[in-house]
Amino acid sequence: MFFKNRKIAFVFPGQGAQYVGMGMDFVENDETLLQPLLDFDKNNSTNLYEIIKNGPAETLKETKWTQPAIMFHSITALNSMLKSIAVKPHYVAGHSLGEFTALVANGVLKAEDALYLVHKRGQFMIKANEDTPYAMAAIIGLDTQKLQSICKKISEQDLVVVANYNTPEQTVISGTADGVAKACQAAKEAGAKRALPLPVGGAFHSPLIARASDWLIEEMNKITFHKSAIPVIANVDAQPYTDPETIKHNLAKQVTSSVLWVDSINYLTGLGVDLFFEFGPKKIIAGMIKKIDRNVEVISIDKYEDLLTLKESIS
C-alpha cells in the first residue's frame, strides 16, 4: 500500500482562504456529503448552503459564516477521500478554527456539533470586542524574538500581541489599532521586509476578545466531546492531547492565545511525520508547511480533481 510505511498527519486550515462554491464539486459527485450542511441550516435556521454555493463573497467573508463554511469544505474533502482511499492519520492538527475540524477527523466531535461550535465561535469573536478599535497585521522577515520584544514594549501603553506563528518568515500580530500600527512601524525599523495590514473582523487571538472564550466554554459544555486514540496537536502549546476535558480547555484558551503553528509542525516532524494531508481551500497550509520543513510531503485536497489526481498516482 502506498501509505503503509509513512507516518501521517491530517491538517486543516483556518479562515482567510474561502471562496464561493468551495466544496460543491465534491457534493456534485456524492450528494450524501451535503447532509451535515443541510442539517446545520435546518437546526440553526440559517442559509449557509446558499452562501457557500452562490455567495456573495462579501457575505462569505463574515467570520460567523467563514468558519463553518471552511469547516464544511474541509470535512467534505476529507470524507470524499476516505470513501475511496483507506488511510488513517497518526495525528491531526488545525490552524485556529482548523483545530475544531481536526477534532471531527479524529472523532472527538460530530460534524454537526463542530459546525455549530465554530459558527458560535465566529459570532463571539466579533461580538467580544465591539468597543475598542482593533487591527491585525502580518510581519514578514523579522526574527520572532525581536517581534515579541517589540510587542511587549508597545503593550505597556497600547495592547499588541503575537497572534500566529505561521512560518519562520511570517508572523501575525493582533491588538488595538494603535498598538498594531506602532508595532508595524517598529518592526520595519528593526528590519522586517514588510508589514501588511489584514482585513479582519476582530483582534483574533488577543486578550481583546477574552469574553469570547467564556462564551465558547458555555457552548462547549452543551456538546459531547468523545475520547480519541488519535491525538490532536493543540495550537496553544504544540503538544498532543486525547482527553476531552483538556481539549475543551485548550480550545477555550486558544481564542486569546497565540497559534503555535511552526512549533506544531516541528513537533510532528520530530515524531517522524513525513506525510501531511491537507483538506481545505487554496492549499494555504501546504505553503506554510513547506516553508517550515521542505523535506516532508504534503498532499492537498481542495477540489475534486485533486482527489482524482491522488487516486491516479497511487493506482
C-alpha atoms as a PDB file:
ATOM      1  CA  MET A   1       0.000   0.000   0.000  1.00  0.00           C
ATOM      2  CA  PHE A   2       1.250   3.492  -0.939  1.00  0.00           C
ATOM      3  CA  PHE A   3       0.903   4.863   2.637  1.00  0.00           C
ATOM      4  CA  LYS A   4       1.877   1.713   4.558  1.00  0.00           C
ATOM      5  CA  ASN A   5       5.249   2.807   5.916  1.00  0.00           C
ATOM      6  CA  ARG A   6       4.504   6.513   6.258  1.00  0.00           C
ATOM      7  CA  LYS A   7       3.794   8.454   9.420  1.00  0.00           C
ATOM      8  CA  ILE A   8       0.778  10.607   8.589  1.00  0.00           C
ATOM      9  CA  ALA A   9      -0.906  13.746   9.904  1.00  0.00           C
ATOM     10  CA  PHE A  10      -4.192  15.244   8.711  1.00  0.00           C
ATOM     11  CA  VAL A  11      -4.112  19.062   8.844  1.00  0.00           C
ATOM     12  CA  PHE A  12      -6.801  21.707   8.380  1.00  0.00           C
ATOM     13  CA  PRO A  13      -6.766  25.456   7.624  1.00  0.00           C
ATOM     14  CA  GLY A  14      -8.244  28.434   9.422  1.00  0.00           C
ATOM     15  CA  GLN A  15     -10.185  31.256   7.837  1.00  0.00           C
ATOM     16  CA  GLY A  16      -8.972  33.563   5.109  1.00  0.00           C
ATOM     17  CA  ALA A  17      -8.842  31.337   2.013  1.00  0.00           C
ATOM     18  CA  GLN A  18     -12.565  30.854   1.479  1.00  0.00           C
ATOM     19  CA  TYR A  19     -14.137  31.152  -1.971  1.00  0.00           C
ATOM     20  CA  VAL A  20     -17.679  30.938  -3.296  1.00  0.00           C
ATOM     21  CA  GLY A  21     -18.511  27.416  -4.445  1.00  0.00           C
ATOM     22  CA  MET A  22     -15.892  25.639  -2.366  1.00  0.00           C
ATOM     23  CA  GLY A  23     -16.720  22.002  -1.741  1.00  0.00           C
ATOM     24  CA  MET A  24     -19.577  21.937  -4.219  1.00  0.00           C
ATOM     25  CA  ASP A  25     -17.659  19.802  -6.735  1.00  0.00           C
ATOM     26  CA  PHE A  26     -17.395  17.033  -4.114  1.00  0.00           C
ATOM     27  CA  VAL A  27     -21.135  17.311  -3.444  1.00  0.00           C
ATOM     28  CA  GLU A  28     -21.911  17.056  -7.164  1.00  0.00           C
ATOM     29  CA  ASN A  29     -20.159  13.679  -7.175  1.00  0.00           C
ATOM     30  CA  ASP A  30     -21.729  12.476  -3.917  1.00  0.00           C
ATOM     31  CA  GLU A  31     -24.876  14.191  -2.616  1.00  0.00           C
ATOM     32  CA  THR A  32     -24.676  12.407   0.741  1.00  0.00           C
ATOM     33  CA  LEU A  33     -21.713  14.656   1.618  1.00  0.00           C
ATOM     34  CA  LEU A  34     -24.109  17.623   1.752  1.00  0.00           C
ATOM     35  CA  GLN A  35     -26.142  16.258   4.668  1.00  0.00           C
ATOM     36  CA  PRO A  36     -24.155  17.831   7.554  1.00  0.00           C
ATOM     37  CA  LEU A  37     -24.605  21.262   5.960  1.00  0.00           C
ATOM     38  CA  LEU A  38     -28.332  20.761   5.370  1.00  0.00           C
ATOM     39  CA  ASP A  39     -28.723  19.622   8.977  1.00  0.00           C
ATOM     40  CA  PHE A  40     -26.775  22.665  10.181  1.00  0.00           C
ATOM     41  CA  ASP A  41     -29.048  25.042   8.271  1.00  0.00           C
ATOM     42  CA  LYS A  42     -32.189  23.275   9.463  1.00  0.00           C
ATOM     43  CA  ASN A  43     -31.133  23.201  13.124  1.00  0.00           C
ATOM     44  CA  ASN A  44     -29.906  26.804  13.211  1.00  0.00           C
ATOM     45  CA  SER A  45     -32.383  28.465  10.827  1.00  0.00           C
ATOM     46  CA  THR A  46     -29.514  29.609   8.606  1.00  0.00           C
ATOM     47  CA  ASN A  47     -28.768  29.596   4.872  1.00  0.00           C
ATOM     48  CA  LEU A  48     -25.077  28.667   4.872  1.00  0.00           C
ATOM     49  CA  TYR A  49     -25.545  26.242   1.983  1.00  0.00           C
ATOM     50  CA  GLU A  50     -26.747  29.060  -0.278  1.00  0.00           C
ATOM     51  CA  ILE A  51     -23.956  31.370   0.911  1.00  0.00           C
ATOM     52  CA  ILE A  52     -21.276  28.779   0.134  1.00  0.00           C
ATOM     53  CA  LYS A  53     -22.806  27.801  -3.194  1.00  0.00           C
ATOM     54  CA  ASN A  54     -23.767  31.216  -4.565  1.00  0.00           C
ATOM     55  CA  GLY A  55     -22.197  33.874  -2.360  1.00  0.00           C
ATOM     56  CA  PRO A  56     -21.924  36.781  -2.410  1.00  0.00           C
ATOM     57  CA  ALA A  57     -18.233  36.711  -1.460  1.00  0.00           C
ATOM     58  CA  GLU A  58     -18.690  39.624   0.959  1.00  0.00           C
ATOM     59  CA  THR A  59     -21.187  37.615   2.989  1.00  0.00           C
ATOM     60  CA  LEU A  60     -18.944  34.552   2.952  1.00  0.00           C
ATOM     61  CA  LYS A  61     -16.139  36.720   4.387  1.00  0.00           C
ATOM     62  CA  GLU A  62     -18.156  37.385   7.543  1.00  0.00           C
ATOM     63  CA  THR A  63     -16.484  35.426  10.330  1.00  0.00           C
ATOM     64  CA  LYS A  64     -19.687  33.768  11.537  1.00  0.00           C
ATOM     65  CA  TRP A  65     -20.135  32.249   8.040  1.00  0.00           C
ATOM     66  CA  THR A  66     -16.488  31.810   7.074  1.00  0.00           C
ATOM     67  CA  GLN A  67     -15.653  29.493   9.943  1.00  0.00           C
ATOM     68  CA  PRO A  68     -18.392  26.871   9.414  1.00  0.00           C
ATOM     69  CA  ALA A  69     -18.036  27.225   5.626  1.00  0.00           C
ATOM     70  CA  ILE A  70     -14.351  26.352   5.651  1.00  0.00           C
ATOM     71  CA  MET A  71     -15.007  23.552   8.115  1.00  0.00           C
ATOM     72  CA  PHE A  72     -17.696  22.109   5.825  1.00  0.00           C
ATOM     73  CA  HIS A  73     -15.331  22.235   2.858  1.00  0.00           C
ATOM     74  CA  SER A  74     -12.572  20.503   4.825  1.00  0.00           C
ATOM     75  CA  ILE A  75     -14.867  17.793   6.180  1.00  0.00           C
ATOM     76  CA  THR A  76     -16.357  17.207   2.730  1.00  0.00           C
ATOM     77  CA  ALA A  77     -12.932  16.852   1.104  1.00  0.00           C
ATOM     78  CA  LEU A  78     -11.814  14.510   3.894  1.00  0.00           C
ATOM     79  CA  ASN A  79     -14.896  12.285   3.757  1.00  0.00           C
ATOM     80  CA  SER A  80     -14.780  12.156  -0.025  1.00  0.00           C
ATOM     81  CA  MET A  81     -11.224  10.853   0.123  1.00  0.00           C
ATOM     82  CA  LEU A  82     -11.895   8.339   2.893  1.00  0.00           C
ATOM     83  CA  LYS A  83     -14.714   6.782   0.879  1.00  0.00           C
ATOM     84  CA  SER A  84     -12.250   5.673  -1.775  1.00  0.00           C
ATOM     85  CA  ILE A  85      -8.813   5.626  -0.138  1.00  0.00           C
ATOM     86  CA  ALA A  86      -8.098   3.784   3.107  1.00  0.00           C
ATOM     87  CA  VAL A  87      -5.713   5.961   5.082  1.00  0.00           C
ATOM     88  CA  LYS A  88      -5.635   6.692   8.814  1.00  0.00           C
ATOM     89  CA  PRO A  89      -3.682   9.503  10.444  1.00  0.00           C
ATOM     90  CA  HIS A  90      -1.338   9.099  13.381  1.00  0.00           C
ATOM     91  CA  TYR A  91      -2.028  12.727  14.386  1.00  0.00           C
ATOM     92  CA  VAL A  92      -4.371  15.570  13.480  1.00  0.00           C
ATOM     93  CA  ALA A  93      -3.860  19.320  13.713  1.00  0.00           C
ATOM     94  CA  GLY A  94      -5.527  22.516  12.537  1.00  0.00           C
ATOM     95  CA  HIS A  95      -4.689  26.193  12.299  1.00  0.00           C
ATOM     96  CA  SER A  96      -7.008  28.177  14.620  1.00  0.00           C
ATOM     97  CA  LEU A  97     -10.552  27.202  13.541  1.00  0.00           C
ATOM     98  CA  GLY A  98      -8.932  24.210  11.831  1.00  0.00           C
ATOM     99  CA  GLU A  99      -8.302  22.668  15.241  1.00  0.00           C
ATOM    100  CA  PHE A 100     -12.068  22.114  15.536  1.00  0.00           C
ATOM    101  CA  THR A 101     -12.073  20.432  12.110  1.00  0.00           C
ATOM    102  CA  ALA A 102      -9.217  18.218  13.240  1.00  0.00           C
ATOM    103  CA  LEU A 103     -11.419  17.086  16.123  1.00  0.00           C
ATOM    104  CA  VAL A 104     -14.017  15.909  13.617  1.00  0.00           C
ATOM    105  CA  ALA A 105     -11.312  13.994  11.770  1.00  0.00           C
ATOM    106  CA  ASN A 106     -10.206  12.104  14.886  1.00  0.00           C
ATOM    107  CA  GLY A 107     -13.737  11.505  16.175  1.00  0.00           C
ATOM    108  CA  VAL A 108     -13.747  13.816  19.198  1.00  0.00           C
ATOM    109  CA  LEU A 109     -16.594  15.885  17.731  1.00  0.00           C
ATOM    110  CA  LYS A 110     -19.501  15.038  15.458  1.00  0.00           C
ATOM    111  CA  ALA A 111     -19.578  17.171  12.321  1.00  0.00           C
ATOM    112  CA  GLU A 112     -22.912  18.821  13.198  1.00  0.00           C
ATOM    113  CA  ASP A 113     -21.662  19.744  16.683  1.00  0.00           C
ATOM    114  CA  ALA A 114     -18.407  21.160  15.356  1.00  0.00           C
ATOM    115  CA  LEU A 115     -20.218  23.270  12.747  1.00  0.00           C
ATOM    116  CA  TYR A 116     -22.454  24.658  15.480  1.00  0.00           C
ATOM    117  CA  LEU A 117     -19.496  25.488  17.723  1.00  0.00           C
ATOM    118  CA  VAL A 118     -17.439  27.307  15.084  1.00  0.00           C
ATOM    119  CA  HIS A 119     -20.493  29.273  13.947  1.00  0.00           C
ATOM    120  CA  LYS A 120     -20.938  30.434  17.540  1.00  0.00           C
ATOM    121  CA  ARG A 121     -17.197  30.970  17.891  1.00  0.00           C
ATOM    122  CA  GLY A 122     -17.228  33.275  14.867  1.00  0.00           C
ATOM    123  CA  GLN A 123     -20.082  35.309  16.321  1.00  0.00           C
ATOM    124  CA  PHE A 124     -18.398  35.514  19.711  1.00  0.00           C
ATOM    125  CA  MET A 125     -15.017  36.611  18.314  1.00  0.00           C
ATOM    126  CA  ILE A 126     -16.671  39.616  16.673  1.00  0.00           C
ATOM    127  CA  LYS A 127     -19.050  40.482  19.493  1.00  0.00           C
ATOM    128  CA  ALA A 128     -16.381  40.261  22.215  1.00  0.00           C
ATOM    129  CA  ASN A 129     -14.650  43.446  21.094  1.00  0.00           C
ATOM    130  CA  GLU A 130     -17.237  45.906  19.829  1.00  0.00           C
ATOM    131  CA  ASP A 131     -15.810  48.993  21.517  1.00  0.00           C
ATOM    132  CA  THR A 132     -12.023  49.094  21.082  1.00  0.00           C
ATOM    133  CA  PRO A 133     -10.549  49.952  17.650  1.00  0.00           C
ATOM    134  CA  TYR A 134      -8.533  46.895  16.612  1.00  0.00           C
ATOM    135  CA  ALA A 135      -6.219  45.627  13.880  1.00  0.00           C
ATOM    136  CA  MET A 136      -4.148  42.666  12.760  1.00  0.00           C
ATOM    137  CA  ALA A 137      -1.070  42.633  10.518  1.00  0.00           C
ATOM    138  CA  ALA A 138       1.344  40.141   9.001  1.00  0.00           C
ATOM    139  CA  ILE A 139       5.017  40.824   9.676  1.00  0.00           C
ATOM    140  CA  ILE A 140       7.333  39.357   7.039  1.00  0.00           C
ATOM    141  CA  GLY A 141      11.019  38.656   7.534  1.00  0.00           C
ATOM    142  CA  LEU A 142      11.647  39.544  11.169  1.00  0.00           C
ATOM    143  CA  ASP A 143      13.025  37.284  13.900  1.00  0.00           C
ATOM    144  CA  THR A 144      10.150  36.246  16.164  1.00  0.00           C
ATOM    145  CA  GLN A 145      12.040  37.063  19.356  1.00  0.00           C
ATOM    146  CA  LYS A 146      12.604  40.618  18.116  1.00  0.00           C
ATOM    147  CA  LEU A 147       8.897  40.902  17.290  1.00  0.00           C
ATOM    148  CA  GLN A 148       7.920  39.554  20.717  1.00  0.00           C
ATOM    149  CA  SER A 149      10.109  42.191  22.357  1.00  0.00           C
ATOM    150  CA  ILE A 150       8.559  44.929  20.216  1.00  0.00           C
ATOM    151  CA  CYS A 151       5.031  43.829  21.141  1.00  0.00           C
ATOM    152  CA  LYS A 152       5.884  43.597  24.827  1.00  0.00           C
ATOM    153  CA  LYS A 153       7.324  47.122  24.911  1.00  0.00           C
ATOM    154  CA  ILE A 154       4.456  48.717  22.961  1.00  0.00           C
ATOM    155  CA  SER A 155       1.870  46.871  25.077  1.00  0.00           C
ATOM    156  CA  GLU A 156       2.930  48.926  28.076  1.00  0.00           C
ATOM    157  CA  GLN A 157       0.716  51.604  26.510  1.00  0.00           C
ATOM    158  CA  ASP A 158      -1.210  50.023  23.606  1.00  0.00           C
ATOM    159  CA  LEU A 159      -2.015  46.300  23.558  1.00  0.00           C
ATOM    160  CA  VAL A 160      -0.451  44.270  20.751  1.00  0.00           C
ATOM    161  CA  VAL A 161       0.478  40.580  20.824  1.00  0.00           C
ATOM    162  CA  VAL A 162       1.765  37.867  18.508  1.00  0.00           C
ATOM    163  CA  ALA A 163      -1.334  36.049  17.241  1.00  0.00           C
ATOM    164  CA  ASN A 164       0.003  33.477  14.758  1.00  0.00           C
ATOM    165  CA  TYR A 165       3.450  31.973  14.295  1.00  0.00           C
ATOM    166  CA  ASN A 166       2.703  30.848  10.744  1.00  0.00           C
ATOM    167  CA  THR A 167       6.161  30.241   9.270  1.00  0.00           C
ATOM    168  CA  PRO A 168       9.712  31.216  10.214  1.00  0.00           C
ATOM    169  CA  GLU A 169       9.265  34.211   7.892  1.00  0.00           C
ATOM    170  CA  GLN A 170       5.651  35.213   8.584  1.00  0.00           C
ATOM    171  CA  THR A 171       4.194  36.149  11.957  1.00  0.00           C
ATOM    172  CA  VAL A 172       0.815  37.788  12.570  1.00  0.00           C
ATOM    173  CA  ILE A 173       0.205  40.384  15.276  1.00  0.00           C
ATOM    174  CA  SER A 174      -3.115  41.425  16.805  1.00  0.00           C
ATOM    175  CA  GLY A 175      -4.415  44.045  19.207  1.00  0.00           C
ATOM    176  CA  THR A 176      -5.559  47.649  19.416  1.00  0.00           C
ATOM    177  CA  ALA A 177      -5.373  49.709  16.231  1.00  0.00           C
ATOM    178  CA  ASP A 178      -2.727  51.998  17.748  1.00  0.00           C
ATOM    179  CA  GLY A 179      -0.727  49.106  19.147  1.00  0.00           C
ATOM    180  CA  VAL A 180      -0.614  47.240  15.835  1.00  0.00           C
ATOM    181  CA  ALA A 181       0.278  50.417  13.913  1.00  0.00           C
ATOM    182  CA  LYS A 182       3.157  51.165  16.286  1.00  0.00           C
ATOM    183  CA  ALA A 183       4.366  47.567  16.162  1.00  0.00           C
ATOM    184  CA  CYS A 184       4.310  47.578  12.344  1.00  0.00           C
ATOM    185  CA  GLN A 185       6.437  50.724  12.276  1.00  0.00           C
ATOM    186  CA  ALA A 186       8.840  49.369  14.875  1.00  0.00           C
ATOM    187  CA  ALA A 187       9.092  46.043  13.041  1.00  0.00           C
ATOM    188  CA  LYS A 188      10.050  47.763   9.789  1.00  0.00           C
ATOM    189  CA  GLU A 189      12.637  49.843  11.634  1.00  0.00           C
ATOM    190  CA  ALA A 190      14.017  46.605  13.121  1.00  0.00           C
ATOM    191  CA  GLY A 191      14.477  45.068   9.672  1.00  0.00           C
ATOM    192  CA  ALA A 192      11.153  43.471   8.719  1.00  0.00           C
ATOM    193  CA  LYS A 193      10.751  43.157   4.957  1.00  0.00           C
ATOM    194  CA  ARG A 194       7.057  44.015   5.061  1.00  0.00           C
ATOM    195  CA  ALA A 195       4.230  44.796   7.476  1.00  0.00           C
ATOM    196  CA  LEU A 196       0.863  44.081   5.883  1.00  0.00           C
ATOM    197  CA  PRO A 197      -2.473  45.114   7.465  1.00  0.00           C
ATOM    198  CA  LEU A 198      -5.011  42.278   7.338  1.00  0.00           C
ATOM    199  CA  PRO A 199      -8.724  42.718   6.562  1.00  0.00           C
ATOM    200  CA  VAL A 200     -10.213  41.022   9.621  1.00  0.00           C
ATOM    201  CA  GLY A 201     -13.358  41.314  11.710  1.00  0.00           C
ATOM    202  CA  GLY A 202     -11.705  41.325  15.107  1.00  0.00           C
ATOM    203  CA  ALA A 203      -8.488  41.231  17.129  1.00  0.00           C
ATOM    204  CA  PHE A 204      -8.275  37.442  16.928  1.00  0.00           C
ATOM    205  CA  HIS A 205      -6.000  35.518  19.306  1.00  0.00           C
ATOM    206  CA  SER A 206      -5.570  38.507  21.591  1.00  0.00           C
ATOM    207  CA  PRO A 207      -6.821  39.453  25.085  1.00  0.00           C
ATOM    208  CA  LEU A 208      -9.196  41.961  23.478  1.00  0.00           C
ATOM    209  CA  ILE A 209     -11.642  39.125  22.762  1.00  0.00           C
ATOM    210  CA  ALA A 210     -11.372  37.377  26.136  1.00  0.00           C
ATOM    211  CA  ARG A 211     -15.156  37.342  26.579  1.00  0.00           C
ATOM    212  CA  ALA A 212     -15.433  35.083  23.524  1.00  0.00           C
ATOM    213  CA  SER A 213     -13.526  32.411  25.400  1.00  0.00           C
ATOM    214  CA  ASP A 214     -16.029  32.439  28.275  1.00  0.00           C
ATOM    215  CA  TRP A 215     -18.988  32.287  25.910  1.00  0.00           C
ATOM    216  CA  LEU A 216     -17.401  29.440  23.956  1.00  0.00           C
ATOM    217  CA  ILE A 217     -16.917  27.419  27.142  1.00  0.00           C
ATOM    218  CA  GLU A 218     -20.657  27.683  27.825  1.00  0.00           C
ATOM    219  CA  GLU A 219     -21.449  26.341  24.349  1.00  0.00           C
ATOM    220  CA  MET A 220     -18.860  23.550  24.513  1.00  0.00           C
ATOM    221  CA  ASN A 221     -20.340  22.365  27.795  1.00  0.00           C
ATOM    222  CA  LYS A 222     -23.563  21.602  25.905  1.00  0.00           C
ATOM    223  CA  ILE A 223     -21.711  19.326  23.464  1.00  0.00           C
ATOM    224  CA  THR A 224     -20.329  15.798  23.917  1.00  0.00           C
ATOM    225  CA  PHE A 225     -16.580  15.568  23.340  1.00  0.00           C
ATOM    226  CA  HIS A 226     -15.535  11.949  22.771  1.00  0.00           C
ATOM    227  CA  LYS A 227     -12.204  10.365  23.675  1.00  0.00           C
ATOM    228  CA  SER A 228      -9.980   9.537  20.721  1.00  0.00           C
ATOM    229  CA  ALA A 229      -6.954   7.329  20.179  1.00  0.00           C
ATOM    230  CA  ILE A 230      -5.632   9.824  17.619  1.00  0.00           C
ATOM    231  CA  PRO A 231      -4.014  12.849  19.305  1.00  0.00           C
ATOM    232  CA  VAL A 232      -4.740  16.410  18.256  1.00  0.00           C
ATOM    233  CA  ILE A 233      -1.828  18.845  18.373  1.00  0.00           C
ATOM    234  CA  ALA A 234      -3.067  21.909  20.259  1.00  0.00           C
ATOM    235  CA  ASN A 235      -2.449  25.414  18.943  1.00  0.00           C
ATOM    236  CA  VAL A 236      -1.777  26.751  22.442  1.00  0.00           C
ATOM    237  CA  ASP A 237       1.312  24.661  23.234  1.00  0.00           C
ATOM    238  CA  ALA A 238       2.040  22.403  20.226  1.00  0.00           C
ATOM    239  CA  GLN A 239       1.509  19.263  22.329  1.00  0.00           C
ATOM    240  CA  PRO A 240      -0.663  16.154  21.699  1.00  0.00           C
ATOM    241  CA  TYR A 241      -3.966  15.578  23.508  1.00  0.00           C
ATOM    242  CA  THR A 242      -6.699  12.941  23.571  1.00  0.00           C
ATOM    243  CA  ASP A 243      -8.527  13.744  26.831  1.00  0.00           C
ATOM    244  CA  PRO A 244     -11.847  15.519  26.058  1.00  0.00           C
ATOM    245  CA  GLU A 245     -11.792  17.900  29.028  1.00  0.00           C
ATOM    246  CA  THR A 246      -8.240  19.013  28.317  1.00  0.00           C
ATOM    247  CA  ILE A 247      -9.111  19.512  24.655  1.00  0.00           C
ATOM    248  CA  LYS A 248     -12.044  21.747  25.618  1.00  0.00           C
ATOM    249  CA  HIS A 249      -9.790  23.765  27.914  1.00  0.00           C
ATOM    250  CA  ASN A 250      -7.260  24.219  25.109  1.00  0.00           C
ATOM    251  CA  LEU A 251      -9.949  25.347  22.640  1.00  0.00           C
ATOM    252  CA  ALA A 252     -11.190  27.984  25.063  1.00  0.00           C
ATOM    253  CA  LYS A 253      -7.657  29.188  25.753  1.00  0.00           C
ATOM    254  CA  GLN A 254      -6.869  29.215  22.025  1.00  0.00           C
ATOM    255  CA  VAL A 255      -9.277  32.125  21.427  1.00  0.00           C
ATOM    256  CA  THR A 256      -6.902  34.567  23.138  1.00  0.00           C
ATOM    257  CA  SER A 257      -3.597  32.678  22.756  1.00  0.00           C
ATOM    258  CA  SER A 258      -1.009  32.576  20.004  1.00  0.00           C
ATOM    259  CA  VAL A 259      -1.336  29.899  17.328  1.00  0.00           C
ATOM    260  CA  LEU A 260       1.958  27.987  17.589  1.00  0.00           C
ATOM    261  CA  TRP A 261       1.861  26.578  14.069  1.00  0.00           C
ATOM    262  CA  VAL A 262       5.617  26.481  13.455  1.00  0.00           C
ATOM    263  CA  ASP A 263       6.124  24.608  16.732  1.00  0.00           C
ATOM    264  CA  SER A 264       3.242  22.256  15.900  1.00  0.00           C
ATOM    265  CA  ILE A 265       4.710  21.233  12.551  1.00  0.00           C
ATOM    266  CA  ASN A 266       8.207  20.912  14.006  1.00  0.00           C
ATOM    267  CA  TYR A 267       6.798  18.730  16.783  1.00  0.00           C
ATOM    268  CA  LEU A 268       5.116  16.439  14.252  1.00  0.00           C
ATOM    269  CA  THR A 269       8.165  16.135  12.024  1.00  0.00           C
ATOM    270  CA  GLY A 270      10.229  15.469  15.131  1.00  0.00           C
ATOM    271  CA  LEU A 271       7.967  12.477  15.780  1.00  0.00           C
ATOM    272  CA  GLY A 272       8.716  11.213  12.286  1.00  0.00           C
ATOM    273  CA  VAL A 273       5.656  12.511  10.419  1.00  0.00           C
ATOM    274  CA  ASP A 274       6.728  12.705   6.792  1.00  0.00           C
ATOM    275  CA  LEU A 275       3.368  12.910   5.004  1.00  0.00           C
ATOM    276  CA  PHE A 276       0.711  15.561   5.593  1.00  0.00           C
ATOM    277  CA  PHE A 277      -2.777  15.520   4.086  1.00  0.00           C
ATOM    278  CA  GLU A 278      -4.306  18.993   3.922  1.00  0.00           C
ATOM    279  CA  PHE A 279      -8.067  19.321   3.478  1.00  0.00           C
ATOM    280  CA  GLY A 280      -9.439  22.778   2.696  1.00  0.00           C
ATOM    281  CA  PRO A 281      -9.382  25.773   0.371  1.00  0.00           C
ATOM    282  CA  LYS A 282      -6.444  27.068  -1.666  1.00  0.00           C
ATOM    283  CA  LYS A 283      -3.698  24.849  -0.218  1.00  0.00           C
ATOM    284  CA  ILE A 284      -2.644  27.520   2.288  1.00  0.00           C
ATOM    285  CA  ILE A 285      -1.430  25.038   4.895  1.00  0.00           C
ATOM    286  CA  ALA A 286       0.764  23.249   2.359  1.00  0.00           C
ATOM    287  CA  GLY A 287       2.539  26.521   1.631  1.00  0.00           C
ATOM    288  CA  MET A 288       3.148  27.112   5.340  1.00  0.00           C
ATOM    289  CA  ILE A 289       4.433  23.578   5.969  1.00  0.00           C
ATOM    290  CA  LYS A 290       6.874  23.751   3.063  1.00  0.00           C
ATOM    291  CA  LYS A 291       8.323  26.964   4.493  1.00  0.00           C
ATOM    292  CA  ILE A 292       8.776  25.235   7.847  1.00  0.00           C
ATOM    293  CA  ASP A 293      10.209  21.934   6.551  1.00  0.00           C
ATOM    294  CA  ARG A 294      10.937  21.316   2.881  1.00  0.00           C
ATOM    295  CA  ASN A 295      11.733  17.645   3.462  1.00  0.00           C
ATOM    296  CA  VAL A 296       8.154  16.498   4.098  1.00  0.00           C
ATOM    297  CA  GLU A 297       5.453  15.659   1.567  1.00  0.00           C
ATOM    298  CA  VAL A 298       2.113  17.480   1.585  1.00  0.00           C
ATOM    299  CA  ILE A 299      -0.902  16.230  -0.360  1.00  0.00           C
ATOM    300  CA  SER A 300      -3.599  18.930  -0.615  1.00  0.00           C
ATOM    301  CA  ILE A 301      -7.234  18.124  -1.322  1.00  0.00           C
ATOM    302  CA  ASP A 302      -9.067  21.337  -2.236  1.00  0.00           C
ATOM    303  CA  LYS A 303     -11.055  20.297  -5.303  1.00  0.00           C
ATOM    304  CA  TYR A 304     -12.471  17.024  -6.558  1.00  0.00           C
ATOM    305  CA  GLU A 305      -9.847  16.959  -9.285  1.00  0.00           C
ATOM    306  CA  ASP A 306      -7.162  16.848  -6.544  1.00  0.00           C
ATOM    307  CA  LEU A 307      -8.722  13.628  -5.313  1.00  0.00           C
ATOM    308  CA  LEU A 308      -8.779  12.183  -8.843  1.00  0.00           C
ATOM    309  CA  THR A 309      -5.103  13.055  -9.239  1.00  0.00           C
ATOM    310  CA  LEU A 310      -4.294  11.318  -5.957  1.00  0.00           C
ATOM    311  CA  LYS A 311      -6.194   8.202  -6.983  1.00  0.00           C
ATOM    312  CA  GLU A 312      -4.293   8.047 -10.261  1.00  0.00           C
ATOM    313  CA  SER A 313      -0.940   8.472  -8.519  1.00  0.00           C
ATOM    314  CA  ILE A 314      -1.485   5.508  -6.187  1.00  0.00           C
ATOM    315  CA  SER A 315      -3.257   3.156  -8.585  1.00  0.00           C
END
